[in-house]
Full PDB file with SEQRES, HELIX, SHEET, SSBOND, CRYST1, ORIGX, SCALE, CONECT and MASTER records, all heavy atoms in Angstrom:
SEQRES   1 A   40  GLY MET ARG GLY SER PRO THR GLY GLU LEU VAL PHE ASN          
SEQRES   2 A   40  ASP CYS GLU VAL ALA GLU SER GLN VAL MET GLY PRO GLU          
SEQRES   3 A   40  ASN GLY GLY VAL GLY VAL LEU MET SER GLY LEU ASP TYR          
SEQRES   4 A   40  GLU                                                          
HELIX    1 AA1 GLU A   19  GLN A   21  5                                   3    
HELIX    2 AA2 GLY A   29  LEU A   37  1                                   9    
CRYST1    1.000    1.000    1.000  90.00  90.00  90.00 P 1           1          
ORIGX1      1.000000  0.000000  0.000000        0.00000                         
ORIGX2      0.000000  1.000000  0.000000        0.00000                         
ORIGX3      0.000000  0.000000  1.000000        0.00000                         
SCALE1      1.000000  0.000000  0.000000        0.00000                         
SCALE2      0.000000  1.000000  0.000000        0.00000                         
SCALE3      0.000000  0.000000  1.000000        0.00000                         
ATOM      1  N   GLY A   1      -2.197 -23.237 -68.242  1.00  0.00           N  
ATOM      2  CA  GLY A   1      -2.281 -23.482 -66.811  1.00  0.00           C  
ATOM      3  C   GLY A   1      -1.725 -22.306 -66.042  1.00  0.00           C  
ATOM      4  O   GLY A   1      -1.404 -21.265 -66.611  1.00  0.00           O  
ATOM      5  N   MET A   2      -1.629 -22.469 -64.745  1.00  0.00           N  
ATOM      6  CA  MET A   2      -1.187 -21.389 -63.859  1.00  0.00           C  
ATOM      7  C   MET A   2      -1.986 -20.113 -64.127  1.00  0.00           C  
ATOM      8  O   MET A   2      -1.464 -19.001 -64.066  1.00  0.00           O  
ATOM      9  CB  MET A   2       0.311 -21.117 -64.014  1.00  0.00           C  
ATOM     10  CG  MET A   2       1.193 -22.260 -63.567  1.00  0.00           C  
ATOM     11  SD  MET A   2       1.083 -22.563 -61.798  1.00  0.00           S  
ATOM     12  CE  MET A   2       2.456 -23.699 -61.536  1.00  0.00           C  
ATOM     13  N   ARG A   3      -3.269 -20.323 -64.434  1.00  0.00           N  
ATOM     14  CA  ARG A   3      -4.151 -19.191 -64.684  1.00  0.00           C  
ATOM     15  C   ARG A   3      -4.433 -18.493 -63.360  1.00  0.00           C  
ATOM     16  O   ARG A   3      -4.634 -19.123 -62.338  1.00  0.00           O  
ATOM     17  CB  ARG A   3      -5.427 -19.679 -65.353  1.00  0.00           C  
ATOM     18  CG  ARG A   3      -5.174 -20.309 -66.720  1.00  0.00           C  
ATOM     19  CD  ARG A   3      -6.416 -20.952 -67.305  1.00  0.00           C  
ATOM     20  NE  ARG A   3      -7.515 -20.015 -67.448  1.00  0.00           N  
ATOM     21  CZ  ARG A   3      -7.602 -19.091 -68.404  1.00  0.00           C  
ATOM     22  NH1 ARG A   3      -6.631 -18.997 -69.329  1.00  0.00           N  
ATOM     23  NH2 ARG A   3      -8.622 -18.267 -68.465  1.00  0.00           N  
ATOM     24  N   GLY A   4      -4.422 -17.180 -63.377  1.00  0.00           N  
ATOM     25  CA  GLY A   4      -4.549 -16.419 -62.144  1.00  0.00           C  
ATOM     26  C   GLY A   4      -3.209 -15.966 -61.609  1.00  0.00           C  
ATOM     27  O   GLY A   4      -3.142 -15.104 -60.742  1.00  0.00           O  
ATOM     28  N   SER A   5      -2.148 -16.556 -62.141  1.00  0.00           N  
ATOM     29  CA  SER A   5      -0.812 -16.013 -61.910  1.00  0.00           C  
ATOM     30  C   SER A   5      -0.505 -15.175 -63.145  1.00  0.00           C  
ATOM     31  O   SER A   5      -0.190 -15.724 -64.207  1.00  0.00           O  
ATOM     32  CB  SER A   5       0.226 -17.125 -61.751  1.00  0.00           C  
ATOM     33  OG  SER A   5       1.527 -16.570 -61.612  1.00  0.00           O  
ATOM     34  N   PRO A   6      -0.646 -13.848 -63.050  1.00  0.00           N  
ATOM     35  CA  PRO A   6      -0.595 -13.015 -64.250  1.00  0.00           C  
ATOM     36  C   PRO A   6       0.778 -13.034 -64.925  1.00  0.00           C  
ATOM     37  O   PRO A   6       1.806 -12.849 -64.275  1.00  0.00           O  
ATOM     38  CB  PRO A   6      -0.934 -11.622 -63.726  1.00  0.00           C  
ATOM     39  CG  PRO A   6      -0.586 -11.662 -62.276  1.00  0.00           C  
ATOM     40  CD  PRO A   6      -0.833 -13.065 -61.818  1.00  0.00           C  
ATOM     41  N   THR A   7       0.766 -13.267 -66.221  1.00  0.00           N  
ATOM     42  CA  THR A   7       1.990 -13.294 -67.023  1.00  0.00           C  
ATOM     43  C   THR A   7       1.835 -12.277 -68.139  1.00  0.00           C  
ATOM     44  O   THR A   7       0.792 -12.237 -68.799  1.00  0.00           O  
ATOM     45  CB  THR A   7       2.232 -14.686 -67.622  1.00  0.00           C  
ATOM     46  OG1 THR A   7       2.200 -15.658 -66.578  1.00  0.00           O  
ATOM     47  CG2 THR A   7       3.575 -14.760 -68.330  1.00  0.00           C  
ATOM     48  N   GLY A   8       2.856 -11.467 -68.357  1.00  0.00           N  
ATOM     49  CA  GLY A   8       2.696 -10.443 -69.370  1.00  0.00           C  
ATOM     50  C   GLY A   8       4.003  -9.872 -69.879  1.00  0.00           C  
ATOM     51  O   GLY A   8       5.093 -10.358 -69.573  1.00  0.00           O  
ATOM     52  N   GLU A   9       3.846  -8.831 -70.661  1.00  0.00           N  
ATOM     53  CA  GLU A   9       4.957  -8.136 -71.308  1.00  0.00           C  
ATOM     54  C   GLU A   9       5.217  -6.821 -70.573  1.00  0.00           C  
ATOM     55  O   GLU A   9       4.283  -6.166 -70.099  1.00  0.00           O  
ATOM     56  CB  GLU A   9       4.579  -7.853 -72.765  1.00  0.00           C  
ATOM     57  CG  GLU A   9       5.620  -7.079 -73.553  1.00  0.00           C  
ATOM     58  CD  GLU A   9       5.124  -6.684 -74.934  1.00  0.00           C  
ATOM     59  OE1 GLU A   9       3.892  -6.523 -75.103  1.00  0.00           O  
ATOM     60  OE2 GLU A   9       5.957  -6.528 -75.842  1.00  0.00           O  
ATOM     61  N   LEU A  10       6.476  -6.451 -70.482  1.00  0.00           N  
ATOM     62  CA  LEU A  10       6.866  -5.155 -69.945  1.00  0.00           C  
ATOM     63  C   LEU A  10       7.500  -4.342 -71.070  1.00  0.00           C  
ATOM     64  O   LEU A  10       8.316  -4.865 -71.830  1.00  0.00           O  
ATOM     65  CB  LEU A  10       7.868  -5.306 -68.804  1.00  0.00           C  
ATOM     66  CG  LEU A  10       7.474  -6.222 -67.644  1.00  0.00           C  
ATOM     67  CD1 LEU A  10       8.621  -6.298 -66.641  1.00  0.00           C  
ATOM     68  CD2 LEU A  10       6.199  -5.747 -66.973  1.00  0.00           C  
ATOM     69  N   VAL A  11       7.131  -3.073 -71.158  1.00  0.00           N  
ATOM     70  CA  VAL A  11       7.620  -2.220 -72.238  1.00  0.00           C  
ATOM     71  C   VAL A  11       8.376  -1.026 -71.648  1.00  0.00           C  
ATOM     72  O   VAL A  11       7.886  -0.356 -70.730  1.00  0.00           O  
ATOM     73  CB  VAL A  11       6.453  -1.718 -73.118  1.00  0.00           C  
ATOM     74  CG1 VAL A  11       6.975  -0.804 -74.224  1.00  0.00           C  
ATOM     75  CG2 VAL A  11       5.691  -2.898 -73.719  1.00  0.00           C  
ATOM     76  N   PHE A  12       9.557  -0.794 -72.173  1.00  0.00           N  
ATOM     77  CA  PHE A  12      10.386   0.345 -71.760  1.00  0.00           C  
ATOM     78  C   PHE A  12      10.580   1.252 -72.966  1.00  0.00           C  
ATOM     79  O   PHE A  12      11.173   0.857 -73.971  1.00  0.00           O  
ATOM     80  CB  PHE A  12      11.743  -0.150 -71.241  1.00  0.00           C  
ATOM     81  CG  PHE A  12      11.646  -1.041 -70.038  1.00  0.00           C  
ATOM     82  CD1 PHE A  12      11.396  -2.399 -70.174  1.00  0.00           C  
ATOM     83  CD2 PHE A  12      11.789  -0.517 -68.764  1.00  0.00           C  
ATOM     84  CE1 PHE A  12      11.301  -3.228 -69.071  1.00  0.00           C  
ATOM     85  CE2 PHE A  12      11.697  -1.342 -67.644  1.00  0.00           C  
ATOM     86  CZ  PHE A  12      11.450  -2.695 -67.801  1.00  0.00           C  
ATOM     87  N   ASN A  13      10.046   2.473 -72.862  1.00  0.00           N  
ATOM     88  CA  ASN A  13      10.120   3.431 -73.960  1.00  0.00           C  
ATOM     89  C   ASN A  13      10.741   4.719 -73.429  1.00  0.00           C  
ATOM     90  O   ASN A  13      10.059   5.559 -72.859  1.00  0.00           O  
ATOM     91  CB  ASN A  13       8.722   3.683 -74.531  1.00  0.00           C  
ATOM     92  CG  ASN A  13       8.735   4.580 -75.750  1.00  0.00           C  
ATOM     93  OD1 ASN A  13       9.789   4.848 -76.321  1.00  0.00           O  
ATOM     94  ND2 ASN A  13       7.563   5.057 -76.138  1.00  0.00           N  
ATOM     95  N   ASP A  14      12.072   4.828 -73.606  1.00  0.00           N  
ATOM     96  CA  ASP A  14      12.810   5.958 -73.042  1.00  0.00           C  
ATOM     97  C   ASP A  14      12.536   6.099 -71.548  1.00  0.00           C  
ATOM     98  O   ASP A  14      12.227   7.180 -71.037  1.00  0.00           O  
ATOM     99  CB  ASP A  14      12.475   7.266 -73.770  1.00  0.00           C  
ATOM    100  CG  ASP A  14      13.027   7.307 -75.180  1.00  0.00           C  
ATOM    101  OD1 ASP A  14      14.044   6.632 -75.451  1.00  0.00           O  
ATOM    102  OD2 ASP A  14      12.431   8.009 -76.029  1.00  0.00           O  
ATOM    103  N   CYS A  15      12.648   4.982 -70.856  1.00  0.00           N  
ATOM    104  CA  CYS A  15      12.433   4.957 -69.400  1.00  0.00           C  
ATOM    105  C   CYS A  15      13.721   5.389 -68.708  1.00  0.00           C  
ATOM    106  O   CYS A  15      14.730   4.676 -68.732  1.00  0.00           O  
ATOM    107  CB  CYS A  15      12.039   3.554 -68.963  1.00  0.00           C  
ATOM    108  SG  CYS A  15      11.825   3.365 -67.172  1.00  0.00           S  
ATOM    109  N   GLU A  16      13.697   6.579 -68.118  1.00  0.00           N  
ATOM    110  CA  GLU A  16      14.897   7.133 -67.486  1.00  0.00           C  
ATOM    111  C   GLU A  16      14.947   6.733 -66.010  1.00  0.00           C  
ATOM    112  O   GLU A  16      13.969   6.897 -65.284  1.00  0.00           O  
ATOM    113  CB  GLU A  16      14.920   8.654 -67.629  1.00  0.00           C  
ATOM    114  CG  GLU A  16      15.040   9.118 -69.081  1.00  0.00           C  
ATOM    115  CD  GLU A  16      15.251  10.616 -69.205  1.00  0.00           C  
ATOM    116  OE1 GLU A  16      15.639  11.254 -68.192  1.00  0.00           O  
ATOM    117  OE2 GLU A  16      15.053  11.148 -70.309  1.00  0.00           O  
ATOM    118  N   VAL A  17      16.091   6.201 -65.611  1.00  0.00           N  
ATOM    119  CA  VAL A  17      16.276   5.808 -64.224  1.00  0.00           C  
ATOM    120  C   VAL A  17      17.587   6.377 -63.698  1.00  0.00           C  
ATOM    121  O   VAL A  17      18.561   6.526 -64.444  1.00  0.00           O  
ATOM    122  CB  VAL A  17      16.266   4.272 -64.053  1.00  0.00           C  
ATOM    123  CG1 VAL A  17      14.956   3.688 -64.540  1.00  0.00           C  
ATOM    124  CG2 VAL A  17      17.425   3.615 -64.772  1.00  0.00           C  
ATOM    125  N   ALA A  18      17.601   6.670 -62.415  1.00  0.00           N  
ATOM    126  CA  ALA A  18      18.804   7.205 -61.781  1.00  0.00           C  
ATOM    127  C   ALA A  18      19.808   6.085 -61.526  1.00  0.00           C  
ATOM    128  O   ALA A  18      19.452   4.900 -61.479  1.00  0.00           O  
ATOM    129  CB  ALA A  18      18.433   7.892 -60.480  1.00  0.00           C  
ATOM    130  N   GLU A  19      21.041   6.474 -61.323  1.00  0.00           N  
ATOM    131  CA  GLU A  19      22.083   5.488 -61.030  1.00  0.00           C  
ATOM    132  C   GLU A  19      21.796   4.744 -59.732  1.00  0.00           C  
ATOM    133  O   GLU A  19      22.229   3.603 -59.542  1.00  0.00           O  
ATOM    134  CB  GLU A  19      23.445   6.178 -60.951  1.00  0.00           C  
ATOM    135  CG  GLU A  19      24.613   5.214 -60.918  1.00  0.00           C  
ATOM    136  CD  GLU A  19      25.922   5.867 -61.334  1.00  0.00           C  
ATOM    137  OE1 GLU A  19      25.964   7.087 -61.528  1.00  0.00           O  
ATOM    138  OE2 GLU A  19      26.918   5.122 -61.468  1.00  0.00           O  
ATOM    139  N   SER A  20      21.016   5.379 -58.860  1.00  0.00           N  
ATOM    140  CA  SER A  20      20.666   4.744 -57.586  1.00  0.00           C  
ATOM    141  C   SER A  20      19.786   3.513 -57.765  1.00  0.00           C  
ATOM    142  O   SER A  20      19.588   2.750 -56.820  1.00  0.00           O  
ATOM    143  CB  SER A  20      19.949   5.751 -56.681  1.00  0.00           C  
ATOM    144  OG  SER A  20      18.752   6.205 -57.298  1.00  0.00           O  
ATOM    145  N   GLN A  21      19.259   3.311 -58.986  1.00  0.00           N  
ATOM    146  CA  GLN A  21      18.413   2.141 -59.253  1.00  0.00           C  
ATOM    147  C   GLN A  21      19.229   0.923 -59.680  1.00  0.00           C  
ATOM    148  O   GLN A  21      18.668  -0.156 -59.861  1.00  0.00           O  
ATOM    149  CB  GLN A  21      17.381   2.469 -60.337  1.00  0.00           C  
ATOM    150  CG  GLN A  21      16.439   3.608 -59.989  1.00  0.00           C  
ATOM    151  CD  GLN A  21      15.754   3.443 -58.664  1.00  0.00           C  
ATOM    152  OE1 GLN A  21      15.899   4.261 -57.762  1.00  0.00           O  
ATOM    153  NE2 GLN A  21      15.014   2.353 -58.517  1.00  0.00           N  
ATOM    154  N   VAL A  22      20.520   1.073 -59.863  1.00  0.00           N  
ATOM    155  CA  VAL A  22      21.363  -0.072 -60.205  1.00  0.00           C  
ATOM    156  C   VAL A  22      21.540  -0.945 -58.972  1.00  0.00           C  
ATOM    157  O   VAL A  22      21.876  -0.453 -57.891  1.00  0.00           O  
ATOM    158  CB  VAL A  22      22.744   0.390 -60.731  1.00  0.00           C  
ATOM    159  CG1 VAL A  22      23.687  -0.802 -60.901  1.00  0.00           C  
ATOM    160  CG2 VAL A  22      22.592   1.127 -62.057  1.00  0.00           C  
ATOM    161  N   MET A  23      21.310  -2.248 -59.136  1.00  0.00           N  
ATOM    162  CA  MET A  23      21.495  -3.191 -58.031  1.00  0.00           C  
ATOM    163  C   MET A  23      22.684  -4.078 -58.344  1.00  0.00           C  
ATOM    164  O   MET A  23      22.707  -4.760 -59.378  1.00  0.00           O  
ATOM    165  CB  MET A  23      20.239  -4.041 -57.821  1.00  0.00           C  
ATOM    166  CG  MET A  23      20.319  -4.933 -56.587  1.00  0.00           C  
ATOM    167  SD  MET A  23      18.782  -5.799 -56.204  1.00  0.00           S  
ATOM    168  CE  MET A  23      18.832  -7.139 -57.420  1.00  0.00           C  
ATOM    169  N   GLY A  24      23.658  -4.063 -57.460  1.00  0.00           N  
ATOM    170  CA  GLY A  24      24.876  -4.805 -57.738  1.00  0.00           C  
ATOM    171  C   GLY A  24      25.794  -4.001 -58.646  1.00  0.00           C  
ATOM    172  O   GLY A  24      25.512  -2.854 -58.984  1.00  0.00           O  
ATOM    173  N   PRO A  25      26.892  -4.596 -59.094  1.00  0.00           N  
ATOM    174  CA  PRO A  25      27.864  -3.857 -59.904  1.00  0.00           C  
ATOM    175  C   PRO A  25      27.386  -3.604 -61.326  1.00  0.00           C  
ATOM    176  O   PRO A  25      26.688  -4.424 -61.914  1.00  0.00           O  
ATOM    177  CB  PRO A  25      29.098  -4.771 -59.893  1.00  0.00           C  
ATOM    178  CG  PRO A  25      28.553  -6.138 -59.637  1.00  0.00           C  
ATOM    179  CD  PRO A  25      27.352  -5.962 -58.777  1.00  0.00           C  
ATOM    180  N   GLU A  26      27.770  -2.442 -61.864  1.00  0.00           N  
ATOM    181  CA  GLU A  26      27.484  -2.172 -63.279  1.00  0.00           C  
ATOM    182  C   GLU A  26      28.190  -3.224 -64.137  1.00  0.00           C  
ATOM    183  O   GLU A  26      29.334  -3.604 -63.870  1.00  0.00           O  
ATOM    184  CB  GLU A  26      27.981  -0.779 -63.674  1.00  0.00           C  
ATOM    185  CG  GLU A  26      27.627  -0.412 -65.115  1.00  0.00           C  
ATOM    186  CD  GLU A  26      28.135   0.962 -65.514  1.00  0.00           C  
ATOM    187  OE1 GLU A  26      29.292   1.286 -65.147  1.00  0.00           O  
ATOM    188  OE2 GLU A  26      27.393   1.697 -66.182  1.00  0.00           O  
ATOM    189  N   ASN A  27      27.481  -3.735 -65.130  1.00  0.00           N  
ATOM    190  CA  ASN A  27      27.972  -4.803 -66.014  1.00  0.00           C  
ATOM    191  C   ASN A  27      28.207  -6.123 -65.270  1.00  0.00           C  
ATOM    192  O   ASN A  27      28.841  -7.032 -65.803  1.00  0.00           O  
ATOM    193  CB  ASN A  27      29.242  -4.376 -66.757  1.00  0.00           C  
ATOM    194  CG  ASN A  27      28.985  -3.238 -67.727  1.00  0.00           C  
ATOM    195  OD1 ASN A  27      27.934  -3.186 -68.365  1.00  0.00           O  
ATOM    196  ND2 ASN A  27      29.938  -2.320 -67.845  1.00  0.00           N  
ATOM    197  N   GLY A  28      27.671  -6.197 -64.058  1.00  0.00           N  
ATOM    198  CA  GLY A  28      27.805  -7.445 -63.294  1.00  0.00           C  
ATOM    199  C   GLY A  28      26.494  -8.202 -63.177  1.00  0.00           C  
ATOM    200  O   GLY A  28      26.328  -9.056 -62.294  1.00  0.00           O  
ATOM    201  N   GLY A  29      25.557  -7.890 -64.062  1.00  0.00           N  
ATOM    202  CA  GLY A  29      24.228  -8.472 -63.982  1.00  0.00           C  
ATOM    203  C   GLY A  29      24.176  -9.971 -64.169  1.00  0.00           C  
ATOM    204  O   GLY A  29      23.332 -10.651 -63.575  1.00  0.00           O  
ATOM    205  N   VAL A  30      25.071 -10.501 -65.003  1.00  0.00           N  
ATOM    206  CA  VAL A  30      25.063 -11.949 -65.208  1.00  0.00           C  
ATOM    207  C   VAL A  30      25.423 -12.667 -63.909  1.00  0.00           C  
ATOM    208  O   VAL A  30      24.849 -13.708 -63.578  1.00  0.00           O  
ATOM    209  CB  VAL A  30      26.002 -12.356 -66.358  1.00  0.00           C  
ATOM    210  CG1 VAL A  30      26.263 -13.860 -66.365  1.00  0.00           C  
ATOM    211  CG2 VAL A  30      25.400 -11.952 -67.693  1.00  0.00           C  
ATOM    212  N   GLY A  31      26.348 -12.100 -63.161  1.00  0.00           N  
ATOM    213  CA  GLY A  31      26.698 -12.682 -61.868  1.00  0.00           C  
ATOM    214  C   GLY A  31      25.527 -12.650 -60.909  1.00  0.00           C  
ATOM    215  O   GLY A  31      25.266 -13.628 -60.185  1.00  0.00           O  
ATOM    216  N   VAL A  32      24.799 -11.526 -60.888  1.00  0.00           N  
ATOM    217  CA  VAL A  32      23.608 -11.414 -60.045  1.00  0.00           C  
ATOM    218  C   VAL A  32      22.578 -12.450 -60.471  1.00  0.00           C  
ATOM    219  O   VAL A  32      22.018 -13.193 -59.648  1.00  0.00           O  
ATOM    220  CB  VAL A  32      23.009  -9.993 -60.141  1.00  0.00           C  
ATOM    221  CG1 VAL A  32      21.702  -9.904 -59.357  1.00  0.00           C  
ATOM    222  CG2 VAL A  32      24.003  -8.956 -59.645  1.00  0.00           C  
ATOM    223  N   LEU A  33      22.344 -12.522 -61.773  1.00  0.00           N  
ATOM    224  CA  LEU A  33      21.343 -13.421 -62.330  1.00  0.00           C  
ATOM    225  C   LEU A  33      21.685 -14.878 -62.049  1.00  0.00           C  
ATOM    226  O   LEU A  33      20.871 -15.627 -61.509  1.00  0.00           O  
ATOM    227  CB  LEU A  33      21.245 -13.166 -63.842  1.00  0.00           C  
ATOM    228  CG  LEU A  33      20.183 -13.845 -64.682  1.00  0.00           C  
ATOM    229  CD1 LEU A  33      19.987 -13.050 -65.966  1.00  0.00           C  
ATOM    230  CD2 LEU A  33      20.555 -15.272 -65.058  1.00  0.00           C  
ATOM    231  N   MET A  34      22.893 -15.267 -62.407  1.00  0.00           N  
ATOM    232  CA  MET A  34      23.279 -16.676 -62.275  1.00  0.00           C  
ATOM    233  C   MET A  34      23.335 -17.111 -60.820  1.00  0.00           C  
ATOM    234  O   MET A  34      23.008 -18.253 -60.485  1.00  0.00           O  
ATOM    235  CB  MET A  34      24.626 -16.924 -62.953  1.00  0.00           C  
ATOM    236  CG  MET A  34      24.634 -16.664 -64.454  1.00  0.00           C  
ATOM    237  SD  MET A  34      23.444 -17.676 -65.366  1.00  0.00           S  
ATOM    238  CE  MET A  34      24.224 -19.282 -65.269  1.00  0.00           C  
ATOM    239  N   SER A  35      23.719 -16.198 -59.933  1.00  0.00           N  
ATOM    240  CA  SER A  35      23.823 -16.551 -58.516  1.00  0.00           C  
ATOM    241  C   SER A  35      22.462 -16.873 -57.915  1.00  0.00           C  
ATOM    242  O   SER A  35      22.369 -17.583 -56.913  1.00  0.00           O  
ATOM    243  CB  SER A  35      24.458 -15.399 -57.729  1.00  0.00           C  
ATOM    244  OG  SER A  35      23.547 -14.315 -57.589  1.00  0.00           O  
ATOM    245  N   GLY A  36      21.394 -16.336 -58.523  1.00  0.00           N  
ATOM    246  CA  GLY A  36      20.062 -16.571 -57.994  1.00  0.00           C  
ATOM    247  C   GLY A  36      19.362 -17.787 -58.561  1.00  0.00           C  
ATOM    248  O   GLY A  36      18.349 -18.232 -58.022  1.00  0.00           O  
ATOM    249  N   LEU A  37      19.901 -18.351 -59.662  1.00  0.00           N  
ATOM    250  CA  LEU A  37      19.195 -19.433 -60.348  1.00  0.00           C  
ATOM    251  C   LEU A  37      19.078 -20.693 -59.502  1.00  0.00           C  
ATOM    252  O   LEU A  37      18.047 -21.374 -59.529  1.00  0.00           O  
ATOM    253  CB  LEU A  37      19.881 -19.751 -61.678  1.00  0.00           C  
ATOM    254  CG  LEU A  37      19.692 -18.722 -62.797  1.00  0.00           C  
ATOM    255  CD1 LEU A  37      20.412 -19.178 -64.058  1.00  0.00           C  
ATOM    256  CD2 LEU A  37      18.218 -18.483 -63.101  1.00  0.00           C  
ATOM    257  N   ASP A  38      20.135 -21.030 -58.758  1.00  0.00           N  
ATOM    258  CA  ASP A  38      20.074 -22.233 -57.925  1.00  0.00           C  
ATOM    259  C   ASP A  38      18.963 -22.113 -56.889  1.00  0.00           C  
ATOM    260  O   ASP A  38      18.218 -23.072 -56.637  1.00  0.00           O  
ATOM    261  CB  ASP A  38      21.406 -22.473 -57.215  1.00  0.00           C  
ATOM    262  CG  ASP A  38      22.533 -22.802 -58.182  1.00  0.00           C  
ATOM    263  OD1 ASP A  38      22.233 -23.114 -59.347  1.00  0.00           O  
ATOM    264  OD2 ASP A  38      23.699 -22.746 -57.755  1.00  0.00           O  
ATOM    265  N   TYR A  39      18.836 -20.926 -56.284  1.00  0.00           N  
ATOM    266  CA  TYR A  39      17.814 -20.716 -55.265  1.00  0.00           C  
ATOM    267  C   TYR A  39      16.426 -20.677 -55.899  1.00  0.00           C  
ATOM    268  O   TYR A  39      15.459 -21.186 -55.328  1.00  0.00           O  
ATOM    269  CB  TYR A  39      18.103 -19.423 -54.501  1.00  0.00           C  
ATOM    270  CG  TYR A  39      19.513 -19.370 -53.955  1.00  0.00           C  
ATOM    271  CD1 TYR A  39      20.395 -18.349 -54.287  1.00  0.00           C  
ATOM    272  CD2 TYR A  39      19.981 -20.383 -53.113  1.00  0.00           C  
ATOM    273  CE1 TYR A  39      21.684 -18.320 -53.802  1.00  0.00           C  
ATOM    274  CE2 TYR A  39      21.278 -20.360 -52.617  1.00  0.00           C  
ATOM    275  CZ  TYR A  39      22.127 -19.332 -52.971  1.00  0.00           C  
ATOM    276  OH  TYR A  39      23.416 -19.318 -52.491  1.00  0.00           O  
ATOM    277  N   GLU A  40      16.343 -20.072 -57.077  1.00  0.00           N  
ATOM    278  CA  GLU A  40      15.067 -20.041 -57.798  1.00  0.00           C  
ATOM    279  C   GLU A  40      14.587 -21.451 -58.112  1.00  0.00           C  
ATOM    280  O   GLU A  40      13.430 -21.806 -57.853  1.00  0.00           O  
ATOM    281  CB  GLU A  40      15.224 -19.246 -59.099  1.00  0.00           C  
ATOM    282  CG  GLU A  40      14.000 -19.297 -59.998  1.00  0.00           C  
ATOM    283  CD  GLU A  40      14.234 -18.642 -61.349  1.00  0.00           C  
ATOM    284  OE1 GLU A  40      15.225 -17.891 -61.495  1.00  0.00           O  
ATOM    285  OE2 GLU A  40      13.422 -18.887 -62.270  1.00  0.00           O  
TER     286      GLU A  40                                                      
MASTER        0    0    0    2    0    0    0    6  285    1    0    4          
END                                                                             
């Protein structure tokens, strides 16, 4: 079901990103993630 809502895999192969791409605190991702679950 939910056909037409595309679902897929993302692949990262030596994907280099700048520090400016970090959202929220470093090593604080679980807090970011969990804080959004209630709203999700």
